[in-house]
Amino acid sequence: MSYYLYKGEFMKIFITLMICFFTLINQLYAEKGSYDVVYVGTHNLNTVNTPNGTVTGGQLDGIFTVTNSSGKLYSNGDNGKSTCIILSKKNNEKSNSDLEAFCETTDLKTGDKTFSYNVRKEGTVESGSKGKGKQTIIGGTGRFKGITGVCNYTVKYLPESKLTTVGTCDYKI
């Protein structure tokens, strides 16, 4: 009986070590890098009043260009298009909005996509406003499959429903 117990324990330890080994190998060979982007977009937003302020929501569409890159994911000059659905809540007692957005970005060369979640607590969505935010890359398709990462960005809202954004992203696949 003790022989089988010993053999069973050995197999558990062996399997655990193999899982740890392959996890470590996967981490060592994961693609890591960073890239800088410039983004120009147009938004179509609608606002409703609430007892304490306003809620604004709608769609944002635009194009980005990679201006600097390390790693194999992007090359300088690569372009993508994105569509975001945003929700901005503004309390009358605060000067800033709480903004959340989910975005789908498509690489213009390959059609592969990334998906992201954005949070910004500086500025509003009004023309002339600007603020810093954080984008979390939560997945992708094709060559972006398995991607995760974080982008720090600064957005500036312009007249005629336009905006610009500059950002730096760190990623891992």
C-alpha atoms as a PDB file:
ATOM      1  CA  MET A   1       0.000   0.000   0.000  1.00  0.00           C
ATOM      2  CA  SER A   2       2.772   2.443   0.843  1.00  0.00           C
ATOM      3  CA  TYR A   3       4.434   1.745  -2.533  1.00  0.00           C
ATOM      4  CA  TYR A   4       1.296   2.906  -4.370  1.00  0.00           C
ATOM      5  CA  LEU A   5       0.966   5.918  -2.087  1.00  0.00           C
ATOM      6  CA  TYR A   6       4.585   6.837  -2.793  1.00  0.00           C
ATOM      7  CA  LYS A   7       4.093   6.335  -6.544  1.00  0.00           C
ATOM      8  CA  GLY A   8       0.935   8.504  -6.491  1.00  0.00           C
ATOM      9  CA  GLU A   9       2.690  11.298  -4.596  1.00  0.00           C
ATOM     10  CA  PHE A  10       5.617  11.138  -7.011  1.00  0.00           C
ATOM     11  CA  MET A  11       3.267  11.577  -9.979  1.00  0.00           C
ATOM     12  CA  LYS A  12       1.560  14.581  -8.341  1.00  0.00           C
ATOM     13  CA  ILE A  13       4.907  16.237  -7.696  1.00  0.00           C
ATOM     14  CA  PHE A  14       6.143  15.404 -11.209  1.00  0.00           C
ATOM     15  CA  ILE A  15       3.016  16.836 -12.872  1.00  0.00           C
ATOM     16  CA  THR A  16       3.191  19.979 -10.715  1.00  0.00           C
ATOM     17  CA  LEU A  17       6.845  20.501 -11.658  1.00  0.00           C
ATOM     18  CA  MET A  18       6.076  20.022 -15.359  1.00  0.00           C
ATOM     19  CA  ILE A  19       3.266  22.595 -15.204  1.00  0.00           C
ATOM     20  CA  CYS A  20       5.607  25.076 -13.501  1.00  0.00           C
ATOM     21  CA  PHE A  21       8.337  24.373 -16.072  1.00  0.00           C
ATOM     22  CA  PHE A  22       6.094  24.954 -19.089  1.00  0.00           C
ATOM     23  CA  THR A  23       4.592  28.088 -17.513  1.00  0.00           C
ATOM     24  CA  LEU A  24       8.091  29.478 -16.975  1.00  0.00           C
ATOM     25  CA  ILE A  25       9.150  28.626 -20.547  1.00  0.00           C
ATOM     26  CA  ASN A  26       6.010  30.330 -21.890  1.00  0.00           C
ATOM     27  CA  GLN A  27       6.806  33.482 -19.888  1.00  0.00           C
ATOM     28  CA  LEU A  28      10.417  33.523 -21.085  1.00  0.00           C
ATOM     29  CA  TYR A  29       9.424  33.343 -24.748  1.00  0.00           C
ATOM     30  CA  ALA A  30       6.450  35.718 -24.576  1.00  0.00           C
ATOM     31  CA  GLU A  31       6.650  38.664 -26.969  1.00  0.00           C
ATOM     32  CA  LYS A  32       6.999  41.905 -25.007  1.00  0.00           C
ATOM     33  CA  GLY A  33       7.362  45.421 -26.248  1.00  0.00           C
ATOM     34  CA  SER A  34       6.037  48.943 -26.360  1.00  0.00           C
ATOM     35  CA  TYR A  35       4.793  51.415 -28.918  1.00  0.00           C
ATOM     36  CA  ASP A  36       3.821  55.076 -29.120  1.00  0.00           C
ATOM     37  CA  VAL A  37       0.729  56.164 -31.024  1.00  0.00           C
ATOM     38  CA  VAL A  38      -0.900  59.320 -32.303  1.00  0.00           C
ATOM     39  CA  TYR A  39      -4.663  59.062 -32.775  1.00  0.00           C
ATOM     40  CA  VAL A  40      -7.163  61.354 -34.514  1.00  0.00           C
ATOM     41  CA  GLY A  41     -10.869  60.723 -34.191  1.00  0.00           C
ATOM     42  CA  THR A  42     -14.414  61.967 -34.573  1.00  0.00           C
ATOM     43  CA  HIS A  43     -17.138  61.405 -32.007  1.00  0.00           C
ATOM     44  CA  ASN A  44     -20.919  61.342 -32.139  1.00  0.00           C
ATOM     45  CA  LEU A  45     -22.116  61.917 -28.578  1.00  0.00           C
ATOM     46  CA  ASN A  46     -25.467  62.571 -26.967  1.00  0.00           C
ATOM     47  CA  THR A  47     -26.043  63.998 -23.495  1.00  0.00           C
ATOM     48  CA  VAL A  48     -28.891  63.649 -21.038  1.00  0.00           C
ATOM     49  CA  ASN A  49     -29.357  65.570 -17.809  1.00  0.00           C
ATOM     50  CA  THR A  50     -29.574  63.863 -14.440  1.00  0.00           C
ATOM     51  CA  PRO A  51     -30.449  65.362 -11.038  1.00  0.00           C
ATOM     52  CA  ASN A  52     -26.712  65.625 -10.217  1.00  0.00           C
ATOM     53  CA  GLY A  53     -25.168  66.386 -13.609  1.00  0.00           C
ATOM     54  CA  THR A  54     -25.039  64.833 -17.058  1.00  0.00           C
ATOM     55  CA  VAL A  55     -24.425  61.501 -18.723  1.00  0.00           C
ATOM     56  CA  THR A  56     -22.923  61.504 -22.206  1.00  0.00           C
ATOM     57  CA  GLY A  57     -22.554  58.491 -24.434  1.00  0.00           C
ATOM     58  CA  GLY A  58     -21.897  57.567 -28.001  1.00  0.00           C
ATOM     59  CA  GLN A  59     -19.423  56.370 -30.566  1.00  0.00           C
ATOM     60  CA  LEU A  60     -15.863  57.401 -31.328  1.00  0.00           C
ATOM     61  CA  ASP A  61     -14.171  56.449 -34.618  1.00  0.00           C
ATOM     62  CA  GLY A  62     -10.617  57.204 -35.638  1.00  0.00           C
ATOM     63  CA  ILE A  63      -7.233  56.269 -37.041  1.00  0.00           C
ATOM     64  CA  PHE A  64      -3.929  55.820 -35.229  1.00  0.00           C
ATOM     65  CA  THR A  65      -0.336  55.812 -36.419  1.00  0.00           C
ATOM     66  CA  VAL A  66       2.536  54.102 -34.599  1.00  0.00           C
ATOM     67  CA  THR A  67       5.313  56.672 -34.163  1.00  0.00           C
ATOM     68  CA  ASN A  68       7.822  54.559 -32.211  1.00  0.00           C
ATOM     69  CA  SER A  69       8.010  50.827 -31.529  1.00  0.00           C
ATOM     70  CA  SER A  70      10.091  48.203 -29.752  1.00  0.00           C
ATOM     71  CA  GLY A  71       9.271  44.550 -30.253  1.00  0.00           C
ATOM     72  CA  LYS A  72       7.831  42.779 -33.278  1.00  0.00           C
ATOM     73  CA  LEU A  73       4.172  43.735 -32.936  1.00  0.00           C
ATOM     74  CA  TYR A  74       4.269  47.052 -34.800  1.00  0.00           C
ATOM     75  CA  SER A  75       6.653  48.944 -37.044  1.00  0.00           C
ATOM     76  CA  ASN A  76       6.934  52.714 -37.141  1.00  0.00           C
ATOM     77  CA  GLY A  77       4.270  54.080 -39.470  1.00  0.00           C
ATOM     78  CA  ASP A  78       1.802  51.197 -39.017  1.00  0.00           C
ATOM     79  CA  ASN A  79      -1.852  52.265 -38.934  1.00  0.00           C
ATOM     80  CA  GLY A  80      -5.064  51.013 -37.417  1.00  0.00           C
ATOM     81  CA  LYS A  81      -8.655  52.123 -37.114  1.00  0.00           C
ATOM     82  CA  SER A  82     -10.748  51.964 -33.988  1.00  0.00           C
ATOM     83  CA  THR A  83     -14.326  52.207 -32.887  1.00  0.00           C
ATOM     84  CA  CYS A  84     -15.145  52.922 -29.253  1.00  0.00           C
ATOM     85  CA  ILE A  85     -18.381  53.117 -27.331  1.00  0.00           C
ATOM     86  CA  ILE A  86     -17.967  55.644 -24.530  1.00  0.00           C
ATOM     87  CA  LEU A  87     -19.908  56.624 -21.441  1.00  0.00           C
ATOM     88  CA  SER A  88     -19.045  59.797 -19.550  1.00  0.00           C
ATOM     89  CA  LYS A  89     -20.670  60.758 -16.244  1.00  0.00           C
ATOM     90  CA  LYS A  90     -20.277  64.350 -15.035  1.00  0.00           C
ATOM     91  CA  ASN A  91     -21.303  65.418 -11.547  1.00  0.00           C
ATOM     92  CA  ASN A  92     -22.230  69.109 -11.170  1.00  0.00           C
ATOM     93  CA  GLU A  93     -20.004  69.349  -8.084  1.00  0.00           C
ATOM     94  CA  LYS A  94     -16.872  68.161  -9.929  1.00  0.00           C
ATOM     95  CA  SER A  95     -14.913  69.699 -12.780  1.00  0.00           C
ATOM     96  CA  ASN A  96     -13.944  66.292 -14.235  1.00  0.00           C
ATOM     97  CA  SER A  97     -15.971  63.460 -15.752  1.00  0.00           C
ATOM     98  CA  ASP A  98     -15.718  59.736 -15.085  1.00  0.00           C
ATOM     99  CA  LEU A  99     -15.274  58.209 -18.527  1.00  0.00           C
ATOM    100  CA  GLU A 100     -15.300  54.549 -19.554  1.00  0.00           C
ATOM    101  CA  ALA A 101     -14.988  53.153 -23.067  1.00  0.00           C
ATOM    102  CA  PHE A 102     -14.701  49.805 -24.782  1.00  0.00           C
ATOM    103  CA  CYS A 103     -12.796  49.811 -28.059  1.00  0.00           C
ATOM    104  CA  GLU A 104     -12.202  47.507 -31.001  1.00  0.00           C
ATOM    105  CA  THR A 105      -9.100  48.326 -33.039  1.00  0.00           C
ATOM    106  CA  THR A 106      -8.325  46.833 -36.457  1.00  0.00           C
ATOM    107  CA  ASP A 107      -4.848  46.653 -37.992  1.00  0.00           C
ATOM    108  CA  LEU A 108      -5.214  48.122 -41.499  1.00  0.00           C
ATOM    109  CA  LYS A 109      -2.689  45.696 -43.069  1.00  0.00           C
ATOM    110  CA  THR A 110      -3.912  42.403 -41.603  1.00  0.00           C
ATOM    111  CA  GLY A 111      -7.449  42.975 -40.327  1.00  0.00           C
ATOM    112  CA  ASP A 112      -6.431  41.504 -36.960  1.00  0.00           C
ATOM    113  CA  LYS A 113      -8.096  43.129 -33.953  1.00  0.00           C
ATOM    114  CA  THR A 114      -7.377  44.177 -30.395  1.00  0.00           C
ATOM    115  CA  PHE A 115      -9.936  44.902 -27.708  1.00  0.00           C
ATOM    116  CA  SER A 116      -9.489  47.391 -24.893  1.00  0.00           C
ATOM    117  CA  TYR A 117     -11.131  49.029 -21.904  1.00  0.00           C
ATOM    118  CA  ASN A 118     -10.430  52.713 -21.174  1.00  0.00           C
ATOM    119  CA  VAL A 119     -10.809  54.732 -17.987  1.00  0.00           C
ATOM    120  CA  ARG A 120     -10.262  58.468 -17.641  1.00  0.00           C
ATOM    121  CA  LYS A 121     -11.006  60.698 -14.658  1.00  0.00           C
ATOM    122  CA  GLU A 122      -9.429  63.931 -15.934  1.00  0.00           C
ATOM    123  CA  GLY A 123     -11.221  66.429 -18.135  1.00  0.00           C
ATOM    124  CA  THR A 124     -14.579  66.050 -19.844  1.00  0.00           C
ATOM    125  CA  VAL A 125     -15.795  65.334 -23.384  1.00  0.00           C
ATOM    126  CA  GLU A 126     -16.372  69.029 -24.119  1.00  0.00           C
ATOM    127  CA  SER A 127     -14.408  70.893 -26.786  1.00  0.00           C
ATOM    128  CA  GLY A 128     -11.245  72.390 -25.267  1.00  0.00           C
ATOM    129  CA  SER A 129     -11.025  69.797 -22.499  1.00  0.00           C
ATOM    130  CA  LYS A 130      -8.085  67.442 -22.095  1.00  0.00           C
ATOM    131  CA  GLY A 131      -7.012  64.739 -19.692  1.00  0.00           C
ATOM    132  CA  LYS A 132      -4.904  61.673 -19.021  1.00  0.00           C
ATOM    133  CA  GLY A 133      -6.306  58.164 -19.040  1.00  0.00           C
ATOM    134  CA  LYS A 134      -5.444  54.484 -18.976  1.00  0.00           C
ATOM    135  CA  GLN A 135      -6.293  51.891 -21.607  1.00  0.00           C
ATOM    136  CA  THR A 136      -6.118  48.200 -20.717  1.00  0.00           C
ATOM    137  CA  ILE A 137      -5.643  45.857 -23.676  1.00  0.00           C
ATOM    138  CA  ILE A 138      -7.805  42.818 -22.904  1.00  0.00           C
ATOM    139  CA  GLY A 139      -7.385  40.554 -25.943  1.00  0.00           C
ATOM    140  CA  GLY A 140      -7.140  40.204 -29.665  1.00  0.00           C
ATOM    141  CA  THR A 141      -7.473  38.085 -32.794  1.00  0.00           C
ATOM    142  CA  GLY A 142      -4.951  36.757 -35.317  1.00  0.00           C
ATOM    143  CA  ARG A 143      -1.444  37.952 -34.508  1.00  0.00           C
ATOM    144  CA  PHE A 144      -2.852  39.790 -31.469  1.00  0.00           C
ATOM    145  CA  LYS A 145      -4.355  36.633 -29.929  1.00  0.00           C
ATOM    146  CA  GLY A 146      -3.441  36.477 -26.234  1.00  0.00           C
ATOM    147  CA  ILE A 147      -2.301  40.109 -26.032  1.00  0.00           C
ATOM    148  CA  THR A 148      -2.505  42.015 -22.763  1.00  0.00           C
ATOM    149  CA  GLY A 149      -1.138  45.417 -21.943  1.00  0.00           C
ATOM    150  CA  VAL A 150      -1.568  48.943 -20.663  1.00  0.00           C
ATOM    151  CA  CYS A 151      -1.501  52.264 -22.498  1.00  0.00           C
ATOM    152  CA  ASN A 152      -1.207  55.649 -20.824  1.00  0.00           C
ATOM    153  CA  TYR A 153      -2.642  58.404 -22.965  1.00  0.00           C
ATOM    154  CA  THR A 154      -3.559  62.081 -23.089  1.00  0.00           C
ATOM    155  CA  VAL A 155      -6.629  63.153 -25.044  1.00  0.00           C
ATOM    156  CA  LYS A 156      -7.651  66.621 -26.199  1.00  0.00           C
ATOM    157  CA  TYR A 157     -11.198  67.384 -27.384  1.00  0.00           C
ATOM    158  CA  LEU A 158     -11.370  69.789 -30.327  1.00  0.00           C
ATOM    159  CA  PRO A 159     -14.170  71.739 -32.045  1.00  0.00           C
ATOM    160  CA  GLU A 160     -16.524  70.035 -34.498  1.00  0.00           C
ATOM    161  CA  SER A 161     -16.594  66.711 -32.593  1.00  0.00           C
ATOM    162  CA  LYS A 162     -12.899  65.973 -33.201  1.00  0.00           C
ATOM    163  CA  LEU A 163     -10.191  64.810 -30.808  1.00  0.00           C
ATOM    164  CA  THR A 164      -6.523  63.867 -30.727  1.00  0.00           C
ATOM    165  CA  THR A 165      -4.717  61.424 -28.483  1.00  0.00           C
ATOM    166  CA  VAL A 166      -1.071  60.570 -27.872  1.00  0.00           C
ATOM    167  CA  GLY A 167      -0.107  57.508 -25.883  1.00  0.00           C
ATOM    168  CA  THR A 168       2.473  54.917 -24.943  1.00  0.00           C
ATOM    169  CA  CYS A 169       1.562  51.235 -24.681  1.00  0.00           C
ATOM    170  CA  ASP A 170       3.363  48.293 -23.094  1.00  0.00           C
ATOM    171  CA  TYR A 171       2.198  44.837 -24.153  1.00  0.00           C
ATOM    172  CA  LYS A 172       2.832  41.123 -23.806  1.00  0.00           C
ATOM    173  CA  ILE A 173       1.620  38.252 -25.974  1.00  0.00           C
END
